[in-house]
Amino acid sequence: INQNVDHPVSLYAATKKANELMAHTYSHLYRLPTTG
């Protein structure tokens, strides 16, 4: 989980990475606890 994941090889993977980033934004801005 501590490795870089900035090189997806499918759109499916890209959307899942995007979900992790979107969740982090809400955890940061609104202190919403999220776990991926």
PDB file of all heavy atoms in Angstrom:
ATOM      1  N   ILE A   1       0.822  -1.215   0.000  1.00  0.00           N
ATOM      2  CA  ILE A   1       0.000   0.000   0.000  1.00  0.00           C
ATOM      3  C   ILE A   1       0.854   1.263   0.000  1.00  0.00           C
ATOM      4  O   ILE A   1       0.355   2.349  -0.310  1.00  0.00           O
ATOM      5  CB  ILE A   1      -0.967   0.035   1.207  1.00  0.00           C
ATOM      6  CG1 ILE A   1      -0.198  -0.064   2.526  1.00  0.00           C
ATOM      7  CG2 ILE A   1      -2.029  -1.047   1.074  1.00  0.00           C
ATOM      8  CD1 ILE A   1      -1.045   0.215   3.752  1.00  0.00           C
ATOM      9  N   ASN A   2       2.129   1.138   0.321  1.00  0.00           N
ATOM     10  CA  ASN A   2       3.006   2.310   0.351  1.00  0.00           C
ATOM     11  C   ASN A   2       3.789   2.507  -0.947  1.00  0.00           C
ATOM     12  O   ASN A   2       4.634   3.401  -1.034  1.00  0.00           O
ATOM     13  CB  ASN A   2       3.964   2.216   1.540  1.00  0.00           C
ATOM     14  CG  ASN A   2       3.241   2.426   2.860  1.00  0.00           C
ATOM     15  OD1 ASN A   2       2.485   3.392   3.010  1.00  0.00           O
ATOM     16  ND2 ASN A   2       3.435   1.522   3.809  1.00  0.00           N
ATOM     17  N   GLN A   3       3.499   1.699  -1.958  1.00  0.00           N
ATOM     18  CA  GLN A   3       4.143   1.872  -3.255  1.00  0.00           C
ATOM     19  C   GLN A   3       3.380   2.868  -4.120  1.00  0.00           C
ATOM     20  O   GLN A   3       2.182   3.113  -3.925  1.00  0.00           O
ATOM     21  CB  GLN A   3       4.226   0.522  -3.979  1.00  0.00           C
ATOM     22  CG  GLN A   3       5.183  -0.469  -3.345  1.00  0.00           C
ATOM     23  CD  GLN A   3       5.068  -1.855  -3.955  1.00  0.00           C
ATOM     24  OE1 GLN A   3       4.196  -2.116  -4.776  1.00  0.00           O
ATOM     25  NE2 GLN A   3       5.949  -2.751  -3.535  1.00  0.00           N
ATOM     26  N   ASN A   4       4.070   3.408  -5.099  1.00  0.00           N
ATOM     27  CA  ASN A   4       3.463   4.320  -6.063  1.00  0.00           C
ATOM     28  C   ASN A   4       2.491   3.564  -6.973  1.00  0.00           C
ATOM     29  O   ASN A   4       2.806   2.470  -7.449  1.00  0.00           O
ATOM     30  CB  ASN A   4       4.571   4.966  -6.898  1.00  0.00           C
ATOM     31  CG  ASN A   4       4.033   5.935  -7.936  1.00  0.00           C
ATOM     32  OD1 ASN A   4       3.460   5.523  -8.930  1.00  0.00           O
ATOM     33  ND2 ASN A   4       4.229   7.217  -7.706  1.00  0.00           N
ATOM     34  N   VAL A   5       1.323   4.143  -7.186  1.00  0.00           N
ATOM     35  CA  VAL A   5       0.335   3.516  -8.080  1.00  0.00           C
ATOM     36  C   VAL A   5      -0.146   4.536  -9.114  1.00  0.00           C
ATOM     37  O   VAL A   5      -1.335   4.644  -9.383  1.00  0.00           O
ATOM     38  CB  VAL A   5      -0.857   2.915  -7.293  1.00  0.00           C
ATOM     39  CG1 VAL A   5      -0.438   1.691  -6.515  1.00  0.00           C
ATOM     40  CG2 VAL A   5      -1.486   3.937  -6.365  1.00  0.00           C
ATOM     41  N   ASP A   6       0.779   5.241  -9.693  1.00  0.00           N
ATOM     42  CA  ASP A   6       0.448   6.297 -10.654  1.00  0.00           C
ATOM     43  C   ASP A   6       0.503   5.839 -12.105  1.00  0.00           C
ATOM     44  O   ASP A   6       0.468   6.678 -13.011  1.00  0.00           O
ATOM     45  CB  ASP A   6       1.395   7.487 -10.477  1.00  0.00           C
ATOM     46  CG  ASP A   6       1.117   8.257  -9.197  1.00  0.00           C
ATOM     47  OD1 ASP A   6      -0.024   8.157  -8.693  1.00  0.00           O
ATOM     48  OD2 ASP A   6       2.018   8.952  -8.710  1.00  0.00           O
ATOM     49  N   HIS A   7       0.599   4.529 -12.343  1.00  0.00           N
ATOM     50  CA  HIS A   7       0.712   4.049 -13.724  1.00  0.00           C
ATOM     51  C   HIS A   7      -0.284   2.933 -14.007  1.00  0.00           C
ATOM     52  O   HIS A   7       0.102   1.772 -14.244  1.00  0.00           O
ATOM     53  CB  HIS A   7       2.151   3.593 -14.003  1.00  0.00           C
ATOM     54  CG  HIS A   7       3.157   4.688 -13.834  1.00  0.00           C
ATOM     55  ND1 HIS A   7       3.742   4.981 -12.617  1.00  0.00           N
ATOM     56  CD2 HIS A   7       3.642   5.589 -14.720  1.00  0.00           C
ATOM     57  CE1 HIS A   7       4.570   6.010 -12.769  1.00  0.00           C
ATOM     58  NE2 HIS A   7       4.522   6.397 -14.038  1.00  0.00           N
ATOM     59  N   PRO A   8      -1.582   3.244 -14.000  1.00  0.00           N
ATOM     60  CA  PRO A   8      -2.587   2.222 -14.302  1.00  0.00           C
ATOM     61  C   PRO A   8      -2.481   1.778 -15.751  1.00  0.00           C
ATOM     62  O   PRO A   8      -2.026   2.526 -16.622  1.00  0.00           O
ATOM     63  CB  PRO A   8      -3.915   2.944 -14.036  1.00  0.00           C
ATOM     64  CG  PRO A   8      -3.599   4.400 -14.228  1.00  0.00           C
ATOM     65  CD  PRO A   8      -2.189   4.573 -13.751  1.00  0.00           C
ATOM     66  N   VAL A   9      -2.918   0.536 -16.021  1.00  0.00           N
ATOM     67  CA  VAL A   9      -2.878   0.022 -17.385  1.00  0.00           C
ATOM     68  C   VAL A   9      -4.279  -0.303 -17.909  1.00  0.00           C
ATOM     69  O   VAL A   9      -4.420  -0.942 -18.958  1.00  0.00           O
ATOM     70  CB  VAL A   9      -1.959  -1.221 -17.489  1.00  0.00           C
ATOM     71  CG1 VAL A   9      -0.519  -0.840 -17.186  1.00  0.00           C
ATOM     72  CG2 VAL A   9      -2.428  -2.353 -16.590  1.00  0.00           C
ATOM     73  N   SER A  10      -5.312   0.133 -17.201  1.00  0.00           N
ATOM     74  CA  SER A  10      -6.690   0.011 -17.685  1.00  0.00           C
ATOM     75  C   SER A  10      -7.498   1.160 -17.104  1.00  0.00           C
ATOM     76  O   SER A  10      -7.153   1.723 -16.055  1.00  0.00           O
ATOM     77  CB  SER A  10      -7.320  -1.327 -17.256  1.00  0.00           C
ATOM     78  OG  SER A  10      -7.549  -1.360 -15.857  1.00  0.00           O
ATOM     79  N   LEU A  11      -8.579   1.517 -17.792  1.00  0.00           N
ATOM     80  CA  LEU A  11      -9.449   2.577 -17.279  1.00  0.00           C
ATOM     81  C   LEU A  11     -10.100   2.146 -15.971  1.00  0.00           C
ATOM     82  O   LEU A  11     -10.295   2.968 -15.066  1.00  0.00           O
ATOM     83  CB  LEU A  11     -10.514   2.939 -18.310  1.00  0.00           C
ATOM     84  CG  LEU A  11     -11.447   4.088 -17.891  1.00  0.00           C
ATOM     85  CD1 LEU A  11     -10.663   5.382 -17.711  1.00  0.00           C
ATOM     86  CD2 LEU A  11     -12.565   4.272 -18.903  1.00  0.00           C
ATOM     87  N   TYR A  12     -10.430   0.865 -15.858  1.00  0.00           N
ATOM     88  CA  TYR A  12     -10.985   0.357 -14.599  1.00  0.00           C
ATOM     89  C   TYR A  12     -10.052   0.679 -13.440  1.00  0.00           C
ATOM     90  O   TYR A  12     -10.472   1.202 -12.409  1.00  0.00           O
ATOM     91  CB  TYR A  12     -11.212  -1.150 -14.702  1.00  0.00           C
ATOM     92  CG  TYR A  12     -11.540  -1.807 -13.382  1.00  0.00           C
ATOM     93  CD1 TYR A  12     -12.751  -1.554 -12.741  1.00  0.00           C
ATOM     94  CD2 TYR A  12     -10.637  -2.681 -12.778  1.00  0.00           C
ATOM     95  CE1 TYR A  12     -13.047  -2.165 -11.526  1.00  0.00           C
ATOM     96  CE2 TYR A  12     -10.936  -3.282 -11.569  1.00  0.00           C
ATOM     97  CZ  TYR A  12     -12.134  -3.022 -10.947  1.00  0.00           C
ATOM     98  OH  TYR A  12     -12.428  -3.611  -9.738  1.00  0.00           O
ATOM     99  N   ALA A  13      -8.762   0.377 -13.605  1.00  0.00           N
ATOM    100  CA  ALA A  13      -7.786   0.657 -12.559  1.00  0.00           C
ATOM    101  C   ALA A  13      -7.703   2.155 -12.278  1.00  0.00           C
ATOM    102  O   ALA A  13      -7.592   2.576 -11.118  1.00  0.00           O
ATOM    103  CB  ALA A  13      -6.420   0.116 -12.959  1.00  0.00           C
ATOM    104  N   ALA A  14      -7.756   2.963 -13.324  1.00  0.00           N
ATOM    105  CA  ALA A  14      -7.683   4.415 -13.144  1.00  0.00           C
ATOM    106  C   ALA A  14      -8.854   4.928 -12.317  1.00  0.00           C
ATOM    107  O   ALA A  14      -8.695   5.829 -11.476  1.00  0.00           O
ATOM    108  CB  ALA A  14      -7.637   5.113 -14.500  1.00  0.00           C
ATOM    109  N   THR A  15     -10.051   4.366 -12.529  1.00  0.00           N
ATOM    110  CA  THR A  15     -11.203   4.823 -11.747  1.00  0.00           C
ATOM    111  C   THR A  15     -11.061   4.423 -10.282  1.00  0.00           C
ATOM    112  O   THR A  15     -11.483   5.162  -9.384  1.00  0.00           O
ATOM    113  CB  THR A  15     -12.527   4.271 -12.309  1.00  0.00           C
ATOM    114  OG1 THR A  15     -12.563   2.841 -12.224  1.00  0.00           O
ATOM    115  CG2 THR A  15     -12.747   4.714 -13.742  1.00  0.00           C
ATOM    116  N   LYS A  16     -10.464   3.258 -10.031  1.00  0.00           N
ATOM    117  CA  LYS A  16     -10.285   2.836  -8.642  1.00  0.00           C
ATOM    118  C   LYS A  16      -9.237   3.696  -7.937  1.00  0.00           C
ATOM    119  O   LYS A  16      -9.384   4.028  -6.757  1.00  0.00           O
ATOM    120  CB  LYS A  16      -9.906   1.347  -8.595  1.00  0.00           C
ATOM    121  CG  LYS A  16     -11.050   0.421  -8.970  1.00  0.00           C
ATOM    122  CD  LYS A  16     -12.224   0.576  -8.014  1.00  0.00           C
ATOM    123  CE  LYS A  16     -13.322  -0.418  -8.247  1.00  0.00           C
ATOM    124  NZ  LYS A  16     -14.437  -0.287  -7.272  1.00  0.00           N
ATOM    125  N   LYS A  17      -8.165   4.048  -8.632  1.00  0.00           N
ATOM    126  CA  LYS A  17      -7.181   4.973  -8.060  1.00  0.00           C
ATOM    127  C   LYS A  17      -7.847   6.332  -7.797  1.00  0.00           C
ATOM    128  O   LYS A  17      -7.616   6.966  -6.760  1.00  0.00           O
ATOM    129  CB  LYS A  17      -5.994   5.134  -9.015  1.00  0.00           C
ATOM    130  CG  LYS A  17      -5.023   6.266  -8.654  1.00  0.00           C
ATOM    131  CD  LYS A  17      -4.324   6.038  -7.324  1.00  0.00           C
ATOM    132  CE  LYS A  17      -3.470   7.238  -6.909  1.00  0.00           C
ATOM    133  NZ  LYS A  17      -2.328   7.515  -7.775  1.00  0.00           N
ATOM    134  N   ALA A  18      -8.694   6.769  -8.725  1.00  0.00           N
ATOM    135  CA  ALA A  18      -9.413   8.028  -8.539  1.00  0.00           C
ATOM    136  C   ALA A  18     -10.295   7.980  -7.291  1.00  0.00           C
ATOM    137  O   ALA A  18     -10.399   8.965  -6.546  1.00  0.00           O
ATOM    138  CB  ALA A  18     -10.253   8.346  -9.773  1.00  0.00           C
ATOM    139  N   ASN A  19     -10.927   6.841  -7.047  1.00  0.00           N
ATOM    140  CA  ASN A  19     -11.750   6.690  -5.841  1.00  0.00           C
ATOM    141  C   ASN A  19     -10.930   6.905  -4.579  1.00  0.00           C
ATOM    142  O   ASN A  19     -11.383   7.564  -3.629  1.00  0.00           O
ATOM    143  CB  ASN A  19     -12.394   5.312  -5.796  1.00  0.00           C
ATOM    144  CG  ASN A  19     -13.517   5.113  -6.783  1.00  0.00           C
ATOM    145  OD1 ASN A  19     -13.993   4.006  -6.978  1.00  0.00           O
ATOM    146  ND2 ASN A  19     -13.947   6.171  -7.465  1.00  0.00           N
ATOM    147  N   GLU A  20      -9.720   6.354  -4.556  1.00  0.00           N
ATOM    148  CA  GLU A  20      -8.864   6.524  -3.385  1.00  0.00           C
ATOM    149  C   GLU A  20      -8.524   8.000  -3.169  1.00  0.00           C
ATOM    150  O   GLU A  20      -8.512   8.494  -2.030  1.00  0.00           O
ATOM    151  CB  GLU A  20      -7.592   5.694  -3.550  1.00  0.00           C
ATOM    152  CG  GLU A  20      -7.845   4.200  -3.593  1.00  0.00           C
ATOM    153  CD  GLU A  20      -6.595   3.371  -3.868  1.00  0.00           C
ATOM    154  OE1 GLU A  20      -5.511   3.972  -4.023  1.00  0.00           O
ATOM    155  OE2 GLU A  20      -6.699   2.127  -3.906  1.00  0.00           O
ATOM    156  N   LEU A  21      -8.256   8.711  -4.252  1.00  0.00           N
ATOM    157  CA  LEU A  21      -7.931  10.136  -4.153  1.00  0.00           C
ATOM    158  C   LEU A  21      -9.153  10.958  -3.741  1.00  0.00           C
ATOM    159  O   LEU A  21      -9.044  11.882  -2.920  1.00  0.00           O
ATOM    160  CB  LEU A  21      -7.397  10.640  -5.497  1.00  0.00           C
ATOM    161  CG  LEU A  21      -6.091  10.018  -5.990  1.00  0.00           C
ATOM    162  CD1 LEU A  21      -5.768  10.511  -7.393  1.00  0.00           C
ATOM    163  CD2 LEU A  21      -4.951  10.339  -5.041  1.00  0.00           C
ATOM    164  N   MET A  22     -10.304  10.627  -4.294  1.00  0.00           N
ATOM    165  CA  MET A  22     -11.530  11.341  -3.938  1.00  0.00           C
ATOM    166  C   MET A  22     -11.853  11.128  -2.456  1.00  0.00           C
ATOM    167  O   MET A  22     -12.229  12.068  -1.744  1.00  0.00           O
ATOM    168  CB  MET A  22     -12.690  10.858  -4.809  1.00  0.00           C
ATOM    169  CG  MET A  22     -12.531  11.209  -6.288  1.00  0.00           C
ATOM    170  SD  MET A  22     -13.585  10.200  -7.367  1.00  0.00           S
ATOM    171  CE  MET A  22     -15.207  10.890  -6.981  1.00  0.00           C
ATOM    172  N   ALA A  23     -11.696   9.886  -1.996  1.00  0.00           N
ATOM    173  CA  ALA A  23     -11.963   9.597  -0.584  1.00  0.00           C
ATOM    174  C   ALA A  23     -11.008  10.378   0.310  1.00  0.00           C
ATOM    175  O   ALA A  23     -11.419  10.922   1.352  1.00  0.00           O
ATOM    176  CB  ALA A  23     -11.828   8.095  -0.325  1.00  0.00           C
ATOM    177  N   HIS A  24      -9.743  10.444  -0.083  1.00  0.00           N
ATOM    178  CA  HIS A  24      -8.786  11.194   0.745  1.00  0.00           C
ATOM    179  C   HIS A  24      -9.179  12.662   0.848  1.00  0.00           C
ATOM    180  O   HIS A  24      -9.068  13.281   1.922  1.00  0.00           O
ATOM    181  CB  HIS A  24      -7.365  11.081   0.191  1.00  0.00           C
ATOM    182  CG  HIS A  24      -6.355  11.722   1.090  1.00  0.00           C
ATOM    183  ND1 HIS A  24      -6.031  13.069   1.016  1.00  0.00           N
ATOM    184  CD2 HIS A  24      -5.631  11.225   2.122  1.00  0.00           C
ATOM    185  CE1 HIS A  24      -5.135  13.358   1.946  1.00  0.00           C
ATOM    186  NE2 HIS A  24      -4.883  12.255   2.631  1.00  0.00           N
ATOM    187  N   THR A  25      -9.640  13.222  -0.246  1.00  0.00           N
ATOM    188  CA  THR A  25     -10.064  14.627  -0.225  1.00  0.00           C
ATOM    189  C   THR A  25     -11.179  14.847   0.790  1.00  0.00           C
ATOM    190  O   THR A  25     -11.150  15.812   1.566  1.00  0.00           O
ATOM    191  CB  THR A  25     -10.535  15.056  -1.625  1.00  0.00           C
ATOM    192  OG1 THR A  25      -9.480  14.853  -2.559  1.00  0.00           O
ATOM    193  CG2 THR A  25     -10.923  16.526  -1.631  1.00  0.00           C
ATOM    194  N   TYR A  26     -12.160  13.950   0.814  1.00  0.00           N
ATOM    195  CA  TYR A  26     -13.273  14.098   1.767  1.00  0.00           C
ATOM    196  C   TYR A  26     -12.808  13.819   3.196  1.00  0.00           C
ATOM    197  O   TYR A  26     -13.294  14.454   4.136  1.00  0.00           O
ATOM    198  CB  TYR A  26     -14.437  13.186   1.359  1.00  0.00           C
ATOM    199  CG  TYR A  26     -15.365  13.856   0.379  1.00  0.00           C
ATOM    200  CD1 TYR A  26     -14.938  14.177  -0.903  1.00  0.00           C
ATOM    201  CD2 TYR A  26     -16.669  14.208   0.740  1.00  0.00           C
ATOM    202  CE1 TYR A  26     -15.773  14.811  -1.813  1.00  0.00           C
ATOM    203  CE2 TYR A  26     -17.522  14.843  -0.154  1.00  0.00           C
ATOM    204  CZ  TYR A  26     -17.066  15.142  -1.424  1.00  0.00           C
ATOM    205  OH  TYR A  26     -17.899  15.785  -2.313  1.00  0.00           O
ATOM    206  N   SER A  27     -11.890  12.900   3.363  1.00  0.00           N
ATOM    207  CA  SER A  27     -11.345  12.654   4.702  1.00  0.00           C
ATOM    208  C   SER A  27     -10.585  13.882   5.206  1.00  0.00           C
ATOM    209  O   SER A  27     -10.669  14.240   6.380  1.00  0.00           O
ATOM    210  CB  SER A  27     -10.415  11.432   4.678  1.00  0.00           C
ATOM    211  OG  SER A  27     -11.127  10.259   4.384  1.00  0.00           O
ATOM    212  N   HIS A  28      -9.864  14.524   4.304  1.00  0.00           N
ATOM    213  CA  HIS A  28      -9.090  15.711   4.674  1.00  0.00           C
ATOM    214  C   HIS A  28      -9.994  16.916   4.929  1.00  0.00           C
ATOM    215  O   HIS A  28      -9.855  17.603   5.957  1.00  0.00           O
ATOM    216  CB  HIS A  28      -8.091  16.040   3.566  1.00  0.00           C
ATOM    217  CG  HIS A  28      -7.380  17.333   3.759  1.00  0.00           C
ATOM    218  ND1 HIS A  28      -6.362  17.499   4.682  1.00  0.00           N
ATOM    219  CD2 HIS A  28      -7.551  18.551   3.172  1.00  0.00           C
ATOM    220  CE1 HIS A  28      -5.934  18.748   4.650  1.00  0.00           C
ATOM    221  NE2 HIS A  28      -6.639  19.411   3.740  1.00  0.00           N
ATOM    222  N   LEU A  29     -10.918  17.187   4.027  1.00  0.00           N
ATOM    223  CA  LEU A  29     -11.741  18.395   4.130  1.00  0.00           C
ATOM    224  C   LEU A  29     -12.804  18.294   5.213  1.00  0.00           C
ATOM    225  O   LEU A  29     -13.073  19.269   5.926  1.00  0.00           O
ATOM    226  CB  LEU A  29     -12.422  18.673   2.786  1.00  0.00           C
ATOM    227  CG  LEU A  29     -11.532  19.119   1.631  1.00  0.00           C
ATOM    228  CD1 LEU A  29     -12.355  19.218   0.345  1.00  0.00           C
ATOM    229  CD2 LEU A  29     -10.885  20.470   1.948  1.00  0.00           C
ATOM    230  N   TYR A  30     -13.430  17.125   5.333  1.00  0.00           N
ATOM    231  CA  TYR A  30     -14.603  16.979   6.197  1.00  0.00           C
ATOM    232  C   TYR A  30     -14.368  16.014   7.352  1.00  0.00           C
ATOM    233  O   TYR A  30     -15.305  15.748   8.124  1.00  0.00           O
ATOM    234  CB  TYR A  30     -15.805  16.519   5.367  1.00  0.00           C
ATOM    235  CG  TYR A  30     -16.049  17.385   4.154  1.00  0.00           C
ATOM    236  CD1 TYR A  30     -15.869  16.877   2.870  1.00  0.00           C
ATOM    237  CD2 TYR A  30     -16.425  18.723   4.282  1.00  0.00           C
ATOM    238  CE1 TYR A  30     -16.076  17.673   1.745  1.00  0.00           C
ATOM    239  CE2 TYR A  30     -16.637  19.521   3.168  1.00  0.00           C
ATOM    240  CZ  TYR A  30     -16.455  18.990   1.908  1.00  0.00           C
ATOM    241  OH  TYR A  30     -16.656  19.787   0.795  1.00  0.00           O
ATOM    242  N   ARG A  31     -13.156  15.510   7.481  1.00  0.00           N
ATOM    243  CA  ARG A  31     -12.817  14.526   8.527  1.00  0.00           C
ATOM    244  C   ARG A  31     -13.732  13.310   8.467  1.00  0.00           C
ATOM    245  O   ARG A  31     -14.059  12.702   9.495  1.00  0.00           O
ATOM    246  CB  ARG A  31     -12.847  15.159   9.922  1.00  0.00           C
ATOM    247  CG  ARG A  31     -12.109  16.467  10.052  1.00  0.00           C
ATOM    248  CD  ARG A  31     -10.731  16.461   9.411  1.00  0.00           C
ATOM    249  NE  ARG A  31      -9.752  15.638  10.134  1.00  0.00           N
ATOM    250  CZ  ARG A  31      -8.493  15.464   9.720  1.00  0.00           C
ATOM    251  NH1 ARG A  31      -8.074  16.021   8.587  1.00  0.00           N
ATOM    252  NH2 ARG A  31      -7.681  14.707  10.430  1.00  0.00           N
ATOM    253  N   LEU A  32     -14.155  12.948   7.272  1.00  0.00           N
ATOM    254  CA  LEU A  32     -14.956  11.752   7.060  1.00  0.00           C
ATOM    255  C   LEU A  32     -14.029  10.544   7.066  1.00  0.00           C
ATOM    256  O   LEU A  32     -13.164  10.419   6.199  1.00  0.00           O
ATOM    257  CB  LEU A  32     -15.697  11.834   5.719  1.00  0.00           C
ATOM    258  CG  LEU A  32     -16.375  10.539   5.233  1.00  0.00           C
ATOM    259  CD1 LEU A  32     -17.524  10.157   6.159  1.00  0.00           C
ATOM    260  CD2 LEU A  32     -16.857  10.692   3.784  1.00  0.00           C
ATOM    261  N   PRO A  33     -14.164   9.628   8.020  1.00  0.00           N
ATOM    262  CA  PRO A  33     -13.309   8.437   8.018  1.00  0.00           C
ATOM    263  C   PRO A  33     -13.612   7.539   6.819  1.00  0.00           C
ATOM    264  O   PRO A  33     -14.771   7.150   6.602  1.00  0.00           O
ATOM    265  CB  PRO A  33     -13.666   7.735   9.335  1.00  0.00           C
ATOM    266  CG  PRO A  33     -14.252   8.813  10.197  1.00  0.00           C
ATOM    267  CD  PRO A  33     -15.000   9.699   9.244  1.00  0.00           C
ATOM    268  N   THR A  34     -12.597   7.250   6.022  1.00  0.00           N
ATOM    269  CA  THR A  34     -12.767   6.383   4.858  1.00  0.00           C
ATOM    270  C   THR A  34     -11.645   5.349   4.809  1.00  0.00           C
ATOM    271  O   THR A  34     -10.502   5.651   5.162  1.00  0.00           O
ATOM    272  CB  THR A  34     -12.756   7.175   3.536  1.00  0.00           C
ATOM    273  OG1 THR A  34     -11.455   7.732   3.317  1.00  0.00           O
ATOM    274  CG2 THR A  34     -13.791   8.296   3.543  1.00  0.00           C
ATOM    275  N   THR A  35     -11.988   4.151   4.363  1.00  0.00           N
ATOM    276  CA  THR A  35     -11.001   3.080   4.188  1.00  0.00           C
ATOM    277  C   THR A  35     -11.219   2.409   2.846  1.00  0.00           C
ATOM    278  O   THR A  35     -12.325   1.936   2.553  1.00  0.00           O
ATOM    279  CB  THR A  35     -11.095   2.029   5.310  1.00  0.00           C
ATOM    280  OG1 THR A  35     -10.908   2.652   6.578  1.00  0.00           O
ATOM    281  CG2 THR A  35     -10.024   0.954   5.118  1.00  0.00           C
ATOM    282  N   GLY A  36     -10.169   2.357   2.041  1.00  0.00           N
ATOM    283  CA  GLY A  36     -10.224   1.689   0.747  1.00  0.00           C
ATOM    284  C   GLY A  36      -9.598   0.307   0.831  1.00  0.00           C
ATOM    285  O   GLY A  36      -8.555   0.120   1.468  1.00  0.00           O
TER     286      GLY A  36
END
